[in-house]
Amino acid sequence: MSTIGIGVSEDAQNWRRHLSPKSPPHWVYTKAIQKSQQDDRDYRLIRLDNGLQAMLIHDANADKAAASLDVAVGHLHDPVRTHCRCRCAKCVLLIRGVPIG
């Protein structure tokens, strides 16, 4: 069985495993997400098996879709090995929308 790997044992009870043939296996946060009473959007927090967390937001009144990515690392998190630096540089280019070949 896969583990959640969230690092907070008291919060582990709020994650439920989701298995479906239509999507990759992932964890879903089941506790209600706090939001403003005026906010009519639906929120869902998921965690993939590779550790990536994503907040999914559904707005029934929106006429367009959008995506955002938060990369929580800085210059002090640069890997030492050269081939990893190339991967990091490619990720930055992809985030900025620069085509790479």
N, C-alpha and C. Protein backbone atom coordinates (compact mmCIF):
# COMPACT_ATOMS: atom_id res chain seq x y z
N MET A 1 0.84 -1.19 0.00
CA MET A 1 0.00 0.00 0.00
C MET A 1 0.88 1.25 0.00
N SER A 2 0.48 2.25 -0.74
CA SER A 2 1.24 3.51 -0.80
C SER A 2 1.02 4.31 0.48
N THR A 3 2.01 5.09 0.84
CA THR A 3 1.86 5.96 2.00
C THR A 3 1.63 7.38 1.53
N ILE A 4 1.02 8.16 2.39
CA ILE A 4 0.72 9.54 2.03
C ILE A 4 1.99 10.39 2.06
N GLY A 5 2.81 10.20 3.06
CA GLY A 5 4.06 10.95 3.16
C GLY A 5 3.87 12.43 3.43
N ILE A 6 2.85 12.79 4.20
CA ILE A 6 2.59 14.20 4.46
C ILE A 6 3.40 14.73 5.62
N GLY A 7 3.95 13.83 6.46
CA GLY A 7 4.81 14.28 7.54
C GLY A 7 4.08 14.74 8.79
N VAL A 8 2.76 14.81 8.77
CA VAL A 8 1.99 15.22 9.94
C VAL A 8 1.02 14.09 10.25
N SER A 9 1.33 13.30 11.29
CA SER A 9 0.56 12.09 11.56
C SER A 9 -0.89 12.39 11.93
N GLU A 10 -1.14 13.47 12.67
CA GLU A 10 -2.52 13.77 13.06
C GLU A 10 -3.37 14.22 11.87
N ASP A 11 -2.75 14.62 10.78
CA ASP A 11 -3.49 15.04 9.59
C ASP A 11 -3.70 13.89 8.61
N ALA A 12 -3.05 12.77 8.83
CA ALA A 12 -3.13 11.64 7.90
C ALA A 12 -4.55 11.08 7.79
N GLN A 13 -5.33 11.20 8.83
CA GLN A 13 -6.71 10.69 8.80
C GLN A 13 -7.59 11.47 7.82
N ASN A 14 -7.17 12.65 7.40
CA ASN A 14 -7.97 13.48 6.49
C ASN A 14 -7.69 13.22 5.01
N TRP A 15 -6.84 12.24 4.71
CA TRP A 15 -6.51 11.91 3.32
C TRP A 15 -7.12 10.57 2.96
N ARG A 16 -7.76 10.49 1.78
CA ARG A 16 -8.39 9.27 1.30
C ARG A 16 -7.79 8.89 -0.05
N ARG A 17 -7.49 7.64 -0.23
CA ARG A 17 -6.90 7.14 -1.48
C ARG A 17 -7.97 7.08 -2.55
N HIS A 18 -7.67 7.61 -3.74
CA HIS A 18 -8.61 7.59 -4.86
C HIS A 18 -8.01 6.76 -6.00
N LEU A 19 -8.71 5.71 -6.35
CA LEU A 19 -8.29 4.84 -7.45
C LEU A 19 -9.39 4.84 -8.50
N SER A 20 -9.02 5.13 -9.73
CA SER A 20 -9.98 5.18 -10.82
C SER A 20 -9.27 4.84 -12.12
N PRO A 21 -9.95 4.12 -13.03
CA PRO A 21 -9.31 3.85 -14.33
C PRO A 21 -9.19 5.10 -15.20
N LYS A 22 -9.87 6.19 -14.83
CA LYS A 22 -9.85 7.41 -15.64
C LYS A 22 -8.78 8.40 -15.22
N SER A 23 -8.14 8.16 -14.07
CA SER A 23 -7.10 9.10 -13.60
C SER A 23 -6.03 8.32 -12.86
N PRO A 24 -4.83 8.90 -12.76
CA PRO A 24 -3.77 8.23 -12.00
C PRO A 24 -4.16 8.13 -10.53
N PRO A 25 -3.64 7.14 -9.81
CA PRO A 25 -3.94 7.04 -8.37
C PRO A 25 -3.44 8.28 -7.64
N HIS A 26 -4.23 8.77 -6.71
CA HIS A 26 -3.85 9.95 -5.94
C HIS A 26 -4.60 9.95 -4.62
N TRP A 27 -4.20 10.86 -3.74
CA TRP A 27 -4.85 11.05 -2.45
C TRP A 27 -5.70 12.31 -2.51
N VAL A 28 -6.85 12.30 -1.84
CA VAL A 28 -7.74 13.45 -1.79
C VAL A 28 -7.91 13.87 -0.33
N TYR A 29 -7.75 15.17 -0.08
CA TYR A 29 -7.93 15.72 1.26
C TYR A 29 -9.42 15.84 1.53
N THR A 30 -9.90 15.19 2.59
CA THR A 30 -11.34 15.11 2.84
C THR A 30 -11.87 16.17 3.80
N LYS A 31 -10.99 16.81 4.54
CA LYS A 31 -11.43 17.84 5.49
C LYS A 31 -11.86 19.09 4.71
N ALA A 32 -12.88 19.77 5.20
CA ALA A 32 -13.37 20.98 4.52
C ALA A 32 -12.27 22.04 4.46
N ILE A 33 -12.13 22.68 3.31
CA ILE A 33 -11.14 23.73 3.11
C ILE A 33 -11.78 25.06 3.47
N GLN A 34 -11.11 25.82 4.34
CA GLN A 34 -11.66 27.09 4.79
C GLN A 34 -11.64 28.11 3.65
N LYS A 35 -12.75 28.81 3.49
CA LYS A 35 -12.85 29.86 2.48
C LYS A 35 -13.87 30.89 2.95
N SER A 36 -13.89 32.02 2.28
CA SER A 36 -14.83 33.09 2.60
C SER A 36 -16.26 32.64 2.30
N GLN A 37 -17.22 33.15 3.05
CA GLN A 37 -18.62 32.82 2.82
C GLN A 37 -19.10 33.34 1.45
N GLN A 38 -18.45 34.38 0.94
CA GLN A 38 -18.82 34.93 -0.36
C GLN A 38 -18.21 34.14 -1.52
N ASP A 39 -17.30 33.25 -1.25
CA ASP A 39 -16.61 32.47 -2.29
C ASP A 39 -17.47 31.26 -2.65
N ASP A 40 -17.97 31.25 -3.90
CA ASP A 40 -18.83 30.15 -4.34
C ASP A 40 -18.08 29.09 -5.16
N ARG A 41 -16.76 29.17 -5.20
CA ARG A 41 -15.97 28.18 -5.94
C ARG A 41 -15.81 26.90 -5.12
N ASP A 42 -15.56 25.79 -5.82
CA ASP A 42 -15.30 24.50 -5.18
C ASP A 42 -13.80 24.26 -5.17
N TYR A 43 -13.28 23.81 -4.03
CA TYR A 43 -11.86 23.55 -3.87
C TYR A 43 -11.64 22.08 -3.53
N ARG A 44 -10.56 21.52 -4.09
CA ARG A 44 -10.16 20.16 -3.75
C ARG A 44 -8.64 20.10 -3.73
N LEU A 45 -8.10 19.53 -2.66
CA LEU A 45 -6.66 19.37 -2.52
C LEU A 45 -6.32 17.91 -2.79
N ILE A 46 -5.40 17.67 -3.72
CA ILE A 46 -4.97 16.31 -4.02
C ILE A 46 -3.46 16.20 -3.86
N ARG A 47 -3.00 14.97 -3.70
CA ARG A 47 -1.56 14.70 -3.59
C ARG A 47 -1.25 13.47 -4.42
N LEU A 48 -0.34 13.63 -5.38
CA LEU A 48 0.06 12.52 -6.22
C LEU A 48 1.08 11.65 -5.49
N ASP A 49 1.28 10.43 -5.99
CA ASP A 49 2.21 9.51 -5.35
C ASP A 49 3.65 10.01 -5.37
N ASN A 50 3.98 10.91 -6.30
CA ASN A 50 5.35 11.46 -6.35
C ASN A 50 5.54 12.62 -5.39
N GLY A 51 4.51 12.96 -4.59
CA GLY A 51 4.62 14.00 -3.58
C GLY A 51 4.07 15.35 -4.02
N LEU A 52 3.76 15.53 -5.29
CA LEU A 52 3.24 16.80 -5.78
C LEU A 52 1.83 17.03 -5.24
N GLN A 53 1.61 18.20 -4.65
CA GLN A 53 0.28 18.58 -4.18
C GLN A 53 -0.31 19.60 -5.14
N ALA A 54 -1.61 19.49 -5.36
CA ALA A 54 -2.29 20.43 -6.25
C ALA A 54 -3.62 20.84 -5.64
N MET A 55 -3.92 22.13 -5.71
CA MET A 55 -5.21 22.64 -5.29
C MET A 55 -6.05 22.82 -6.56
N LEU A 56 -7.13 22.07 -6.66
CA LEU A 56 -8.02 22.17 -7.82
C LEU A 56 -9.17 23.09 -7.45
N ILE A 57 -9.41 24.08 -8.30
CA ILE A 57 -10.45 25.07 -8.03
C ILE A 57 -11.43 25.08 -9.20
N HIS A 58 -12.71 24.93 -8.88
CA HIS A 58 -13.74 24.93 -9.93
C HIS A 58 -14.64 26.14 -9.73
N ASP A 59 -14.75 26.96 -10.78
CA ASP A 59 -15.62 28.13 -10.76
C ASP A 59 -16.64 27.96 -11.87
N ALA A 60 -17.87 27.66 -11.52
CA ALA A 60 -18.93 27.40 -12.50
C ALA A 60 -19.24 28.63 -13.34
N ASN A 61 -18.91 29.83 -12.85
CA ASN A 61 -19.21 31.06 -13.58
C ASN A 61 -18.08 31.51 -14.49
N ALA A 62 -16.95 30.84 -14.46
CA ALA A 62 -15.79 31.25 -15.27
C ALA A 62 -15.99 30.85 -16.72
N ASP A 63 -15.53 31.71 -17.64
CA ASP A 63 -15.63 31.40 -19.06
C ASP A 63 -14.29 30.96 -19.64
N LYS A 64 -13.24 30.98 -18.82
CA LYS A 64 -11.91 30.55 -19.26
C LYS A 64 -11.27 29.69 -18.18
N ALA A 65 -10.27 28.93 -18.57
CA ALA A 65 -9.52 28.10 -17.63
C ALA A 65 -8.13 28.69 -17.44
N ALA A 66 -7.52 28.39 -16.31
CA ALA A 66 -6.17 28.88 -16.03
C ALA A 66 -5.44 27.86 -15.17
N ALA A 67 -4.13 27.96 -15.16
CA ALA A 67 -3.31 27.09 -14.33
C ALA A 67 -2.19 27.92 -13.74
N SER A 68 -1.74 27.51 -12.56
CA SER A 68 -0.66 28.21 -11.89
C SER A 68 0.25 27.18 -11.24
N LEU A 69 1.52 27.51 -11.11
CA LEU A 69 2.49 26.60 -10.51
C LEU A 69 3.36 27.37 -9.55
N ASP A 70 3.52 26.84 -8.34
CA ASP A 70 4.39 27.44 -7.34
C ASP A 70 5.56 26.50 -7.11
N VAL A 71 6.74 26.95 -7.45
CA VAL A 71 7.95 26.16 -7.26
C VAL A 71 8.65 26.73 -6.03
N ALA A 72 8.57 26.00 -4.93
CA ALA A 72 9.05 26.50 -3.65
C ALA A 72 10.53 26.16 -3.44
N VAL A 73 11.39 26.67 -4.30
CA VAL A 73 12.83 26.53 -4.14
C VAL A 73 13.49 27.84 -4.54
N GLY A 74 14.69 28.02 -4.10
CA GLY A 74 15.43 29.23 -4.43
C GLY A 74 16.84 28.90 -4.86
N HIS A 75 17.68 29.90 -4.93
CA HIS A 75 19.04 29.70 -5.43
C HIS A 75 19.87 28.81 -4.51
N LEU A 76 19.51 28.69 -3.26
CA LEU A 76 20.26 27.83 -2.34
C LEU A 76 19.88 26.36 -2.48
N HIS A 77 18.88 26.06 -3.28
CA HIS A 77 18.45 24.69 -3.50
C HIS A 77 19.02 24.11 -4.80
N ASP A 78 20.00 24.78 -5.40
CA ASP A 78 20.58 24.28 -6.65
C ASP A 78 21.30 22.97 -6.40
N PRO A 79 21.04 21.96 -7.23
CA PRO A 79 21.75 20.69 -7.06
C PRO A 79 23.21 20.84 -7.46
N VAL A 80 24.05 19.98 -6.89
CA VAL A 80 25.49 20.04 -7.14
C VAL A 80 25.84 19.44 -8.50
N ARG A 81 25.17 18.33 -8.85
CA ARG A 81 25.51 17.64 -10.09
C ARG A 81 25.04 18.42 -11.31
N THR A 82 25.84 18.39 -12.36
CA THR A 82 25.58 19.18 -13.57
C THR A 82 24.31 18.73 -14.28
N HIS A 83 24.09 17.41 -14.42
CA HIS A 83 22.92 16.95 -15.16
C HIS A 83 21.62 17.38 -14.48
N CYS A 84 21.64 17.51 -13.15
CA CYS A 84 20.45 17.99 -12.44
C CYS A 84 20.22 19.47 -12.73
N ARG A 85 21.31 20.22 -12.86
CA ARG A 85 21.15 21.64 -13.18
C ARG A 85 20.50 21.82 -14.53
N CYS A 86 20.84 20.95 -15.48
CA CYS A 86 20.21 21.04 -16.80
C CYS A 86 18.72 20.79 -16.68
N ARG A 87 18.34 19.80 -15.88
CA ARG A 87 16.91 19.53 -15.69
C ARG A 87 16.21 20.72 -15.05
N CYS A 88 16.86 21.31 -14.04
CA CYS A 88 16.26 22.47 -13.37
C CYS A 88 16.10 23.63 -14.35
N ALA A 89 17.10 23.85 -15.18
CA ALA A 89 17.02 24.93 -16.16
C ALA A 89 15.90 24.68 -17.15
N LYS A 90 15.74 23.43 -17.57
CA LYS A 90 14.65 23.09 -18.50
C LYS A 90 13.29 23.33 -17.85
N CYS A 91 13.17 22.99 -16.56
CA CYS A 91 11.91 23.23 -15.85
C CYS A 91 11.58 24.71 -15.80
N VAL A 92 12.57 25.53 -15.54
CA VAL A 92 12.36 26.98 -15.50
C VAL A 92 11.90 27.48 -16.86
N LEU A 93 12.51 26.99 -17.92
CA LEU A 93 12.10 27.40 -19.27
C LEU A 93 10.68 26.96 -19.57
N LEU A 94 10.32 25.75 -19.16
CA LEU A 94 8.95 25.27 -19.38
C LEU A 94 7.95 26.11 -18.62
N ILE A 95 8.30 26.48 -17.38
CA ILE A 95 7.40 27.31 -16.57
C ILE A 95 7.19 28.66 -17.22
N ARG A 96 8.25 29.20 -17.78
CA ARG A 96 8.17 30.52 -18.44
C ARG A 96 7.57 30.44 -19.85
N GLY A 97 7.30 29.22 -20.34
CA GLY A 97 6.69 29.07 -21.66
C GLY A 97 7.66 29.15 -22.81
N VAL A 98 8.97 28.98 -22.53
CA VAL A 98 9.97 29.02 -23.58
C VAL A 98 10.10 27.63 -24.18
N PRO A 99 9.93 27.48 -25.49
CA PRO A 99 10.05 26.14 -26.09
C PRO A 99 11.50 25.65 -26.02
N ILE A 100 11.66 24.37 -25.69
CA ILE A 100 12.99 23.78 -25.63
C ILE A 100 13.06 22.62 -26.62
N GLY A 101 14.22 22.38 -27.16
CA GLY A 101 14.34 21.37 -28.22
C GLY A 101 15.15 20.23 -27.88
